Protein backbone atom coordinates (compact mmCIF):
# COMPACT_ATOMS: atom_id res chain seq x y z
CA UNK A 1 0.00 0.00 0.00
CA UNK A 2 1.44 3.37 -0.95
CA UNK A 3 1.56 6.40 1.36
CA UNK A 4 -1.42 8.17 -0.24
CA UNK A 5 -3.64 5.11 0.12
CA UNK A 6 -2.50 4.76 3.73
CA UNK A 7 -3.31 8.44 4.38
CA UNK A 8 -6.82 7.98 2.95
CA UNK A 9 -7.51 4.89 5.02
CA UNK A 10 -6.04 6.46 8.17
CA UNK A 11 -8.27 9.50 7.64
CA UNK A 12 -11.35 7.28 7.40
CA UNK A 13 -10.39 5.36 10.55
CA UNK A 14 -9.65 8.58 12.47
CA UNK A 15 -13.13 9.87 11.59
CA UNK A 16 -14.85 6.57 12.44
CA UNK A 17 -15.90 5.95 8.86
CA UNK A 18 -16.11 2.19 8.29
CA UNK A 19 -15.05 0.73 4.97
CA UNK A 20 -14.29 -2.59 3.36
CA UNK A 21 -11.05 -2.73 1.35
CA UNK A 22 -10.63 -4.82 -1.78
CA UNK A 23 -7.32 -5.37 -3.56
CA UNK A 24 -7.58 -6.14 -7.27
CA UNK A 25 -5.71 -5.80 -10.53
CA UNK A 26 -5.49 -2.19 -11.70
CA UNK A 27 -8.83 -1.11 -13.13
CA UNK A 28 -8.43 0.61 -16.47
CA UNK A 29 -12.04 0.65 -17.70
CA UNK A 30 -15.43 1.37 -16.19
CA UNK A 31 -16.55 -2.10 -17.26
CA UNK A 32 -13.95 -3.62 -14.93
CA UNK A 33 -15.14 -1.37 -12.10
CA UNK A 34 -18.76 -2.31 -12.72
CA UNK A 35 -17.88 -6.02 -12.46
CA UNK A 36 -16.20 -5.51 -9.09
CA UNK A 37 -19.10 -3.39 -7.80
CA UNK A 38 -21.63 -6.01 -8.87
CA UNK A 39 -19.60 -8.78 -7.22
CA UNK A 40 -19.54 -6.90 -3.90
CA UNK A 41 -23.02 -5.36 -4.00
CA UNK A 42 -21.93 -1.74 -4.25
CA UNK A 43 -22.47 1.02 -6.79
CA UNK A 44 -19.59 1.82 -9.11
CA UNK A 45 -18.77 5.52 -9.31
CA UNK A 46 -17.25 7.25 -12.29
CA UNK A 47 -15.46 10.31 -10.93
CA UNK A 48 -14.16 13.04 -13.21
CA UNK A 49 -12.23 16.19 -12.37
CA UNK A 50 -12.90 18.89 -14.94
CA UNK A 51 -12.06 22.57 -15.04
CA UNK A 52 -12.79 25.83 -16.72
CA UNK A 53 -10.45 28.83 -16.68
CA UNK A 54 -11.32 29.70 -13.07
CA UNK A 55 -12.10 26.56 -11.08
CA UNK A 56 -12.25 22.77 -10.75
CA UNK A 57 -15.36 20.58 -10.58
CA UNK A 58 -15.52 16.97 -9.40
CA UNK A 59 -18.43 15.03 -10.91
CA UNK A 60 -19.45 11.69 -9.37
CA UNK A 61 -21.80 9.73 -11.61
CA UNK A 62 -22.87 6.09 -11.97
CA UNK A 63 -20.15 3.95 -13.57
CA UNK A 64 -22.31 3.04 -16.54
CA UNK A 65 -23.19 6.69 -17.27
CA UNK A 66 -21.51 8.61 -20.05
CA UNK A 67 -20.24 12.06 -19.04
CA UNK A 68 -21.36 14.84 -21.37
CA UNK A 69 -18.89 17.72 -21.02
CA UNK A 70 -20.98 20.08 -23.17
CA UNK A 71 -24.06 19.52 -20.99
CA UNK A 72 -21.95 19.94 -17.86
CA UNK A 73 -20.48 23.20 -19.17
CA UNK A 74 -23.97 24.52 -19.93
CA UNK A 75 -25.18 23.43 -16.48
CA UNK A 76 -22.26 25.28 -14.84
CA UNK A 77 -22.83 28.30 -17.10
CA UNK A 78 -19.29 27.91 -18.38
CA UNK A 79 -18.25 28.35 -21.99
CA UNK A 80 -15.89 25.38 -21.92
CA UNK A 81 -14.77 22.51 -19.68
CA UNK A 82 -11.70 20.35 -20.06
CA UNK A 83 -10.43 17.40 -18.09
CA UNK A 84 -7.91 18.22 -15.40
CA UNK A 85 -4.33 17.41 -16.33
CA UNK A 86 -2.35 14.63 -14.64
CA UNK A 87 -0.41 17.42 -12.91
CA UNK A 88 -3.63 18.95 -11.58
CA UNK A 89 -4.79 15.53 -10.33
CA UNK A 90 -1.50 14.97 -8.55
CA UNK A 91 -1.39 18.46 -6.99
CA UNK A 92 -5.02 18.68 -5.90
CA UNK A 93 -5.96 15.08 -5.12
CA UNK A 94 -2.69 13.10 -4.92
CA UNK A 95 -3.92 10.78 -7.66
CA UNK A 96 -3.64 10.04 -11.37
CA UNK A 97 -5.99 9.45 -14.33
CA UNK A 98 -8.02 6.31 -13.78
CA UNK A 99 -7.85 6.51 -9.98
CA UNK A 100 -9.83 9.69 -9.28
CA UNK A 101 -12.41 9.45 -6.50
CA UNK A 102 -14.09 11.73 -4.01
CA UNK A 103 -11.69 10.35 -1.37
CA UNK A 104 -9.01 12.51 -2.97
CA UNK A 105 -10.81 15.57 -1.60
CA UNK A 106 -8.86 14.89 1.60
CA UNK A 107 -5.88 16.51 -0.14
CA UNK A 108 -7.69 19.58 -1.51
CA UNK A 109 -6.47 21.76 1.34
CA UNK A 110 -7.32 25.05 -0.39
CA UNK A 111 -10.87 23.96 -1.30
CA UNK A 112 -10.30 24.51 -5.02
CA UNK A 113 -12.75 21.78 -6.07
CA UNK A 114 -16.56 22.01 -6.19
CA UNK A 115 -18.30 18.65 -5.77
CA UNK A 116 -21.29 17.47 -7.85
CA UNK A 117 -22.89 14.10 -7.04
CA UNK A 118 -25.50 12.41 -9.22
CA UNK A 119 -28.77 11.68 -7.40
CA UNK A 120 -28.48 7.98 -8.28
CA UNK A 121 -25.23 7.81 -6.34
CA UNK A 122 -26.86 9.61 -3.41
CA UNK A 123 -29.70 7.07 -3.45
CA UNK A 124 -27.37 4.07 -3.42
CA UNK A 125 -26.66 2.21 -0.20
CA UNK A 126 -22.93 1.62 -0.77
CA UNK A 127 -20.41 2.98 -3.26
CA UNK A 128 -16.95 1.89 -4.15
CA UNK A 129 -14.16 4.43 -4.42
CA UNK A 130 -10.48 4.22 -5.21
CA UNK A 131 -8.24 5.41 -2.37
CA UNK A 132 -6.28 7.44 -4.97
CA UNK A 133 -4.92 4.29 -6.64
CA UNK A 134 -6.62 2.00 -9.15
CA UNK A 135 -5.58 -1.37 -7.70
CA UNK A 136 -7.67 -1.07 -4.55
CA UNK A 137 -11.29 -0.14 -3.88
CA UNK A 138 -12.98 0.91 -0.67
CA UNK A 139 -16.66 0.21 -0.14
CA UNK A 140 -18.35 2.90 1.94
CA UNK A 141 -21.93 3.60 2.89
CA UNK A 142 -23.33 6.65 1.15
CA UNK A 143 -24.79 7.75 4.48
CA UNK A 144 -21.29 7.82 6.01
CA UNK A 145 -19.93 9.74 3.02
CA UNK A 146 -22.66 12.37 3.38
CA UNK A 147 -22.88 12.55 7.18
CA UNK A 148 -19.26 11.96 8.22
CA UNK A 149 -16.73 12.16 5.39
CA UNK A 150 -17.78 15.35 3.61
CA UNK A 151 -18.59 17.27 6.84
CA UNK A 152 -15.19 16.30 8.30
CA UNK A 153 -13.62 18.05 5.30
CA UNK A 154 -15.97 21.02 5.41
CA UNK A 155 -17.11 20.11 1.89
CA UNK A 156 -20.64 20.63 0.62
CA UNK A 157 -21.95 19.19 -2.62
CA UNK A 158 -24.45 19.84 -5.36
CA UNK A 159 -26.96 17.13 -6.21
CA UNK A 160 -27.72 16.74 -9.90
CA UNK A 161 -29.03 14.26 -12.45
CA UNK A 162 -26.39 13.58 -15.06
CA UNK A 163 -29.04 12.98 -17.72
CA UNK A 164 -30.45 16.47 -17.29
CA UNK A 165 -27.73 18.17 -15.22
CA UNK A 166 -30.21 20.05 -13.05
CA UNK A 167 -28.75 20.54 -9.59
CA UNK A 168 -29.29 21.89 -6.12
CA UNK A 169 -26.83 22.61 -3.32
CA UNK A 170 -26.64 20.40 -0.20
């Protein structure tokens, strides 16, 4: 286990957030993530860090959902969105492409990232998230994410539906 993964898991333990850890081969596609989620009864999350010229946005959507950057840009009233660079991912979330998850918000010390969570994720019982690496997954209850994890970081989120990208702040 690398240091970043250890930091994530230590943070969860310190804040009394239970999780189940699963080691697996590196996941490189959403299809692989969906298989693991199905096997363990959790919901697979696709997590994307995008940006415009002024800020970063973390979108958490169901693993089978396709992300529409044009719709997201219109929803955010932004002329253009692009995916965050590997350097941005490393600096802000201590992770790399293919391993992005909301757990990386632990490292966003300057609160540069706004969080958007699809309502289907919010309605799930359990989700699986990478602890900033793609060869391990942590299964967490959505209730604990919303009531313990995000508040411990001082992070709020916007609920939206990725099909329509209509959202409200929580």
